[in-house]
Amino acid sequence: MSLQFATPRLFLTPIDEADFADLAALNADPEVGGRLKHGVLTEAQTRAQLDGYRAIWVERGFGLFALRLRETRAFVGIAGLWDHDGGLGTALRYAVVPEHRGTGLAREAAMGALDFAKRQNIHPIIAATRESNIASQRILTDLGFALRDISGEPGHRVMVFELPERSS
């Protein structure tokens, strides 16, 4: 897919086969996969995930982007939109490799994905995060998301946020 755009520090390109090894390493890292709903994934599970990410680009015209630093082209994570498997709607998803946490790249990538959604007139956008993931909650509220729901058992609760539609 030829769609690519940039933020001040990142190139965002639709995730593709060439990104498999980087995605597998990201998903296998307990500091990343362990914070996501799906948890740490094997290579086979990552293969199925990548196939799903690629299919949504074809079927829906949106999906996940691979994030690469503009300066070095190094893979630093993923961000984009996907159909939330809980039937909640179109969801923002992002994950950054641990060595780049706290640098603002997750927020920058999420903003890029939301700019893409706005240009494509994709709305509403939701996001789900574990109650224990304070950093992600902070990013979402800074981006204008509002808490919509909390569900699950204590210690395993999920917070669902929604980005209010804004008139242009």
C-alpha atoms as a PDB file:
ATOM      1  CA  MET A   1       0.000   0.000   0.000  1.00  0.00           C
ATOM      2  CA  SER A   2       1.460   3.389  -0.979  1.00  0.00           C
ATOM      3  CA  LEU A   3      -0.207   5.577   1.663  1.00  0.00           C
ATOM      4  CA  GLN A   4       2.432   7.118   3.910  1.00  0.00           C
ATOM      5  CA  PHE A   5       2.510  10.296   5.934  1.00  0.00           C
ATOM      6  CA  ALA A   6       4.736  11.900   8.486  1.00  0.00           C
ATOM      7  CA  THR A   7       4.550  13.620  11.835  1.00  0.00           C
ATOM      8  CA  PRO A   8       7.440  15.750  13.108  1.00  0.00           C
ATOM      9  CA  ARG A   9       9.454  12.660  14.177  1.00  0.00           C
ATOM     10  CA  LEU A  10       7.721   9.686  12.548  1.00  0.00           C
ATOM     11  CA  PHE A  11       6.801   8.072   9.258  1.00  0.00           C
ATOM     12  CA  LEU A  12       3.463   6.241   9.441  1.00  0.00           C
ATOM     13  CA  THR A  13       3.011   3.573   6.783  1.00  0.00           C
ATOM     14  CA  PRO A  14       0.221   0.972   6.565  1.00  0.00           C
ATOM     15  CA  ILE A  15       1.529  -2.126   8.290  1.00  0.00           C
ATOM     16  CA  ASP A  16       2.636  -4.774   5.825  1.00  0.00           C
ATOM     17  CA  GLU A  17       4.483  -8.062   5.495  1.00  0.00           C
ATOM     18  CA  ALA A  18       7.849  -6.297   5.728  1.00  0.00           C
ATOM     19  CA  ASP A  19       6.898  -5.256   9.285  1.00  0.00           C
ATOM     20  CA  PHE A  20       6.246  -8.799  10.548  1.00  0.00           C
ATOM     21  CA  ALA A  21       9.537  -9.338  12.416  1.00  0.00           C
ATOM     22  CA  ASP A  22       9.266  -5.952  14.141  1.00  0.00           C
ATOM     23  CA  LEU A  23       5.610  -6.554  15.048  1.00  0.00           C
ATOM     24  CA  ALA A  24       6.439 -10.028  16.390  1.00  0.00           C
ATOM     25  CA  ALA A  25       9.196  -8.582  18.594  1.00  0.00           C
ATOM     26  CA  LEU A  26       6.833  -5.845  19.832  1.00  0.00           C
ATOM     27  CA  ASN A  27       4.091  -8.370  20.676  1.00  0.00           C
ATOM     28  CA  ALA A  28       6.530 -10.754  22.379  1.00  0.00           C
ATOM     29  CA  ASP A  29       7.809  -8.056  24.728  1.00  0.00           C
ATOM     30  CA  PRO A  30       6.022  -8.356  28.105  1.00  0.00           C
ATOM     31  CA  GLU A  31       6.415  -4.585  28.573  1.00  0.00           C
ATOM     32  CA  VAL A  32       4.310  -4.051  25.425  1.00  0.00           C
ATOM     33  CA  GLY A  33       2.165  -7.109  24.723  1.00  0.00           C
ATOM     34  CA  GLY A  34       1.619  -7.554  28.438  1.00  0.00           C
ATOM     35  CA  ARG A  35      -0.065  -4.139  28.589  1.00  0.00           C
ATOM     36  CA  LEU A  36      -2.352  -4.774  25.633  1.00  0.00           C
ATOM     37  CA  LYS A  37      -5.656  -6.615  25.764  1.00  0.00           C
ATOM     38  CA  HIS A  38      -4.303  -9.584  23.834  1.00  0.00           C
ATOM     39  CA  GLY A  39      -1.237  -9.983  26.052  1.00  0.00           C
ATOM     40  CA  VAL A  40       2.089 -11.373  24.872  1.00  0.00           C
ATOM     41  CA  LEU A  41       1.737 -13.105  21.493  1.00  0.00           C
ATOM     42  CA  THR A  42       3.623 -15.927  19.813  1.00  0.00           C
ATOM     43  CA  GLU A  43       4.844 -15.581  16.225  1.00  0.00           C
ATOM     44  CA  ALA A  44       1.846 -17.613  15.009  1.00  0.00           C
ATOM     45  CA  GLN A  45      -0.553 -15.335  16.887  1.00  0.00           C
ATOM     46  CA  THR A  46       1.251 -12.267  15.526  1.00  0.00           C
ATOM     47  CA  ARG A  47       0.918 -13.728  12.006  1.00  0.00           C
ATOM     48  CA  ALA A  48      -2.854 -13.951  12.456  1.00  0.00           C
ATOM     49  CA  GLN A  49      -2.916 -10.422  13.882  1.00  0.00           C
ATOM     50  CA  LEU A  50      -0.898  -9.014  10.967  1.00  0.00           C
ATOM     51  CA  ASP A  51      -3.175 -10.775   8.478  1.00  0.00           C
ATOM     52  CA  GLY A  52      -6.149  -9.134  10.207  1.00  0.00           C
ATOM     53  CA  TYR A  53      -4.483  -5.724  10.215  1.00  0.00           C
ATOM     54  CA  ARG A  54      -3.737  -6.024   6.493  1.00  0.00           C
ATOM     55  CA  ALA A  55      -7.272  -7.224   5.711  1.00  0.00           C
ATOM     56  CA  ILE A  56      -8.903  -4.245   7.416  1.00  0.00           C
ATOM     57  CA  TRP A  57      -6.917  -1.901   5.131  1.00  0.00           C
ATOM     58  CA  VAL A  58      -8.400  -3.690   2.114  1.00  0.00           C
ATOM     59  CA  GLU A  59     -11.922  -4.027   3.527  1.00  0.00           C
ATOM     60  CA  ARG A  60     -12.338  -0.705   5.333  1.00  0.00           C
ATOM     61  CA  GLY A  61      -9.679   1.655   3.964  1.00  0.00           C
ATOM     62  CA  PHE A  62      -8.068   2.163   7.362  1.00  0.00           C
ATOM     63  CA  GLY A  63      -5.932   0.180   9.739  1.00  0.00           C
ATOM     64  CA  LEU A  64      -2.710   0.093  11.696  1.00  0.00           C
ATOM     65  CA  PHE A  65       0.410   1.973  10.715  1.00  0.00           C
ATOM     66  CA  ALA A  66       3.979   0.888  11.357  1.00  0.00           C
ATOM     67  CA  LEU A  67       5.832   3.715  13.091  1.00  0.00           C
ATOM     68  CA  ARG A  68       9.376   4.462  12.013  1.00  0.00           C
ATOM     69  CA  LEU A  69      11.630   7.280  13.121  1.00  0.00           C
ATOM     70  CA  ARG A  70      12.113   9.809  10.322  1.00  0.00           C
ATOM     71  CA  GLU A  71      15.768  10.227  11.245  1.00  0.00           C
ATOM     72  CA  THR A  72      16.837   6.552  11.220  1.00  0.00           C
ATOM     73  CA  ARG A  73      13.826   4.612   9.846  1.00  0.00           C
ATOM     74  CA  ALA A  74      13.989   2.435  12.981  1.00  0.00           C
ATOM     75  CA  PHE A  75      10.726   0.682  13.908  1.00  0.00           C
ATOM     76  CA  VAL A  76       9.320   2.137  17.131  1.00  0.00           C
ATOM     77  CA  GLY A  77       5.759   0.782  17.268  1.00  0.00           C
ATOM     78  CA  ILE A  78       2.280   0.792  15.803  1.00  0.00           C
ATOM     79  CA  ALA A  79      -0.669   3.160  15.800  1.00  0.00           C
ATOM     80  CA  GLY A  80      -3.912   3.399  13.908  1.00  0.00           C
ATOM     81  CA  LEU A  81      -7.501   2.275  13.740  1.00  0.00           C
ATOM     82  CA  TRP A  82      -9.109  -1.131  13.945  1.00  0.00           C
ATOM     83  CA  ASP A  83     -12.556  -2.630  14.510  1.00  0.00           C
ATOM     84  CA  HIS A  84     -12.654  -3.336  18.234  1.00  0.00           C
ATOM     85  CA  ASP A  85     -13.381  -7.027  18.728  1.00  0.00           C
ATOM     86  CA  GLY A  86     -15.811  -6.217  21.532  1.00  0.00           C
ATOM     87  CA  GLY A  87     -18.197  -4.646  19.006  1.00  0.00           C
ATOM     88  CA  LEU A  88     -17.509  -1.209  20.458  1.00  0.00           C
ATOM     89  CA  GLY A  89     -16.713   0.413  17.098  1.00  0.00           C
ATOM     90  CA  THR A  90     -13.665   1.869  15.422  1.00  0.00           C
ATOM     91  CA  ALA A  91     -10.873   2.011  17.960  1.00  0.00           C
ATOM     92  CA  LEU A  92      -7.585   3.845  18.239  1.00  0.00           C
ATOM     93  CA  ARG A  93      -4.690   1.520  19.049  1.00  0.00           C
ATOM     94  CA  TYR A  94      -1.069   2.391  19.721  1.00  0.00           C
ATOM     95  CA  ALA A  95       1.993   0.752  21.203  1.00  0.00           C
ATOM     96  CA  VAL A  96       5.585   1.947  21.354  1.00  0.00           C
ATOM     97  CA  VAL A  97       8.721  -0.080  22.068  1.00  0.00           C
ATOM     98  CA  PRO A  98       9.837   0.320  25.698  1.00  0.00           C
ATOM     99  CA  GLU A  99      13.037   2.222  24.911  1.00  0.00           C
ATOM    100  CA  HIS A 100      10.955   5.039  23.390  1.00  0.00           C
ATOM    101  CA  ARG A 101       8.378   5.330  26.176  1.00  0.00           C
ATOM    102  CA  GLY A 102       8.106   8.708  27.809  1.00  0.00           C
ATOM    103  CA  THR A 103       9.354  10.532  24.704  1.00  0.00           C
ATOM    104  CA  GLY A 104       5.942  11.621  23.406  1.00  0.00           C
ATOM    105  CA  LEU A 105       6.053   9.281  20.397  1.00  0.00           C
ATOM    106  CA  ALA A 106       2.871   7.420  21.413  1.00  0.00           C
ATOM    107  CA  ARG A 107       0.964  10.704  21.658  1.00  0.00           C
ATOM    108  CA  GLU A 108       2.462  11.951  18.366  1.00  0.00           C
ATOM    109  CA  ALA A 109       1.540   8.696  16.597  1.00  0.00           C
ATOM    110  CA  ALA A 110      -1.987   8.723  18.057  1.00  0.00           C
ATOM    111  CA  MET A 111      -2.440  12.309  16.873  1.00  0.00           C
ATOM    112  CA  GLY A 112      -1.303  11.249  13.400  1.00  0.00           C
ATOM    113  CA  ALA A 113      -3.813   8.379  13.368  1.00  0.00           C
ATOM    114  CA  LEU A 114      -6.591  10.722  14.508  1.00  0.00           C
ATOM    115  CA  ASP A 115      -5.660  13.244  11.799  1.00  0.00           C
ATOM    116  CA  PHE A 116      -5.938  10.400   9.282  1.00  0.00           C
ATOM    117  CA  ALA A 117      -9.365   9.460  10.708  1.00  0.00           C
ATOM    118  CA  LYS A 118     -10.555  13.059  10.440  1.00  0.00           C
ATOM    119  CA  ARG A 119      -9.404  13.352   6.806  1.00  0.00           C
ATOM    120  CA  GLN A 120     -11.178  10.070   6.006  1.00  0.00           C
ATOM    121  CA  ASN A 121     -14.318  11.141   7.940  1.00  0.00           C
ATOM    122  CA  ILE A 122     -14.096   8.110  10.243  1.00  0.00           C
ATOM    123  CA  HIS A 123     -16.062   8.588  13.433  1.00  0.00           C
ATOM    124  CA  PRO A 124     -16.835   7.982  16.196  1.00  0.00           C
ATOM    125  CA  ILE A 125     -13.487   6.791  17.504  1.00  0.00           C
ATOM    126  CA  ILE A 126     -13.161   4.893  20.770  1.00  0.00           C
ATOM    127  CA  ALA A 127     -10.146   3.624  22.684  1.00  0.00           C
ATOM    128  CA  ALA A 128      -9.898   0.952  25.358  1.00  0.00           C
ATOM    129  CA  THR A 129      -7.164   0.589  27.939  1.00  0.00           C
ATOM    130  CA  ARG A 130      -6.576  -1.314  31.115  1.00  0.00           C
ATOM    131  CA  GLU A 131      -7.421   0.585  34.270  1.00  0.00           C
ATOM    132  CA  SER A 132      -3.827   0.085  35.392  1.00  0.00           C
ATOM    133  CA  ASN A 133      -2.396   1.793  32.287  1.00  0.00           C
ATOM    134  CA  ILE A 134      -2.237   5.355  33.613  1.00  0.00           C
ATOM    135  CA  ALA A 135       0.094   6.564  30.838  1.00  0.00           C
ATOM    136  CA  SER A 136      -2.399   5.535  28.143  1.00  0.00           C
ATOM    137  CA  GLN A 137      -5.286   7.135  30.038  1.00  0.00           C
ATOM    138  CA  ARG A 138      -3.308  10.377  30.217  1.00  0.00           C
ATOM    139  CA  ILE A 139      -2.637  10.311  26.464  1.00  0.00           C
ATOM    140  CA  LEU A 140      -6.294   9.681  25.689  1.00  0.00           C
ATOM    141  CA  THR A 141      -7.593  12.475  27.909  1.00  0.00           C
ATOM    142  CA  ASP A 142      -4.930  14.860  26.551  1.00  0.00           C
ATOM    143  CA  LEU A 143      -6.193  14.036  23.037  1.00  0.00           C
ATOM    144  CA  GLY A 144      -9.747  14.936  24.044  1.00  0.00           C
ATOM    145  CA  PHE A 145     -11.197  11.486  24.706  1.00  0.00           C
ATOM    146  CA  ALA A 146     -13.835  11.206  27.425  1.00  0.00           C
ATOM    147  CA  LEU A 147     -14.431   8.172  29.644  1.00  0.00           C
ATOM    148  CA  ARG A 148     -17.500   6.281  28.430  1.00  0.00           C
ATOM    149  CA  ASP A 149     -17.481   3.048  30.428  1.00  0.00           C
ATOM    150  CA  ILE A 150     -15.537   0.862  32.843  1.00  0.00           C
ATOM    151  CA  SER A 151     -16.098  -2.883  32.861  1.00  0.00           C
ATOM    152  CA  GLY A 152     -14.563  -6.058  34.209  1.00  0.00           C
ATOM    153  CA  GLU A 153     -13.451  -7.410  37.525  1.00  0.00           C
ATOM    154  CA  PRO A 154     -11.206  -5.417  39.893  1.00  0.00           C
ATOM    155  CA  GLY A 155      -7.598  -5.828  38.818  1.00  0.00           C
ATOM    156  CA  HIS A 156      -8.700  -6.591  35.243  1.00  0.00           C
ATOM    157  CA  ARG A 157     -10.931  -3.635  34.495  1.00  0.00           C
ATOM    158  CA  VAL A 158     -11.020  -2.001  31.080  1.00  0.00           C
ATOM    159  CA  MET A 159     -11.766   1.655  30.527  1.00  0.00           C
ATOM    160  CA  VAL A 160     -13.465   2.664  27.278  1.00  0.00           C
ATOM    161  CA  PHE A 161     -12.993   6.230  26.065  1.00  0.00           C
ATOM    162  CA  GLU A 162     -14.719   7.999  23.189  1.00  0.00           C
ATOM    163  CA  LEU A 163     -13.564  10.977  21.176  1.00  0.00           C
ATOM    164  CA  PRO A 164     -16.471  13.431  20.951  1.00  0.00           C
ATOM    165  CA  GLU A 165     -17.274  14.538  17.423  1.00  0.00           C
ATOM    166  CA  ARG A 166     -16.337  18.120  16.835  1.00  0.00           C
ATOM    167  CA  SER A 167     -17.897  20.385  14.270  1.00  0.00           C
ATOM    168  CA  SER A 168     -15.439  21.911  11.822  1.00  0.00           C
END
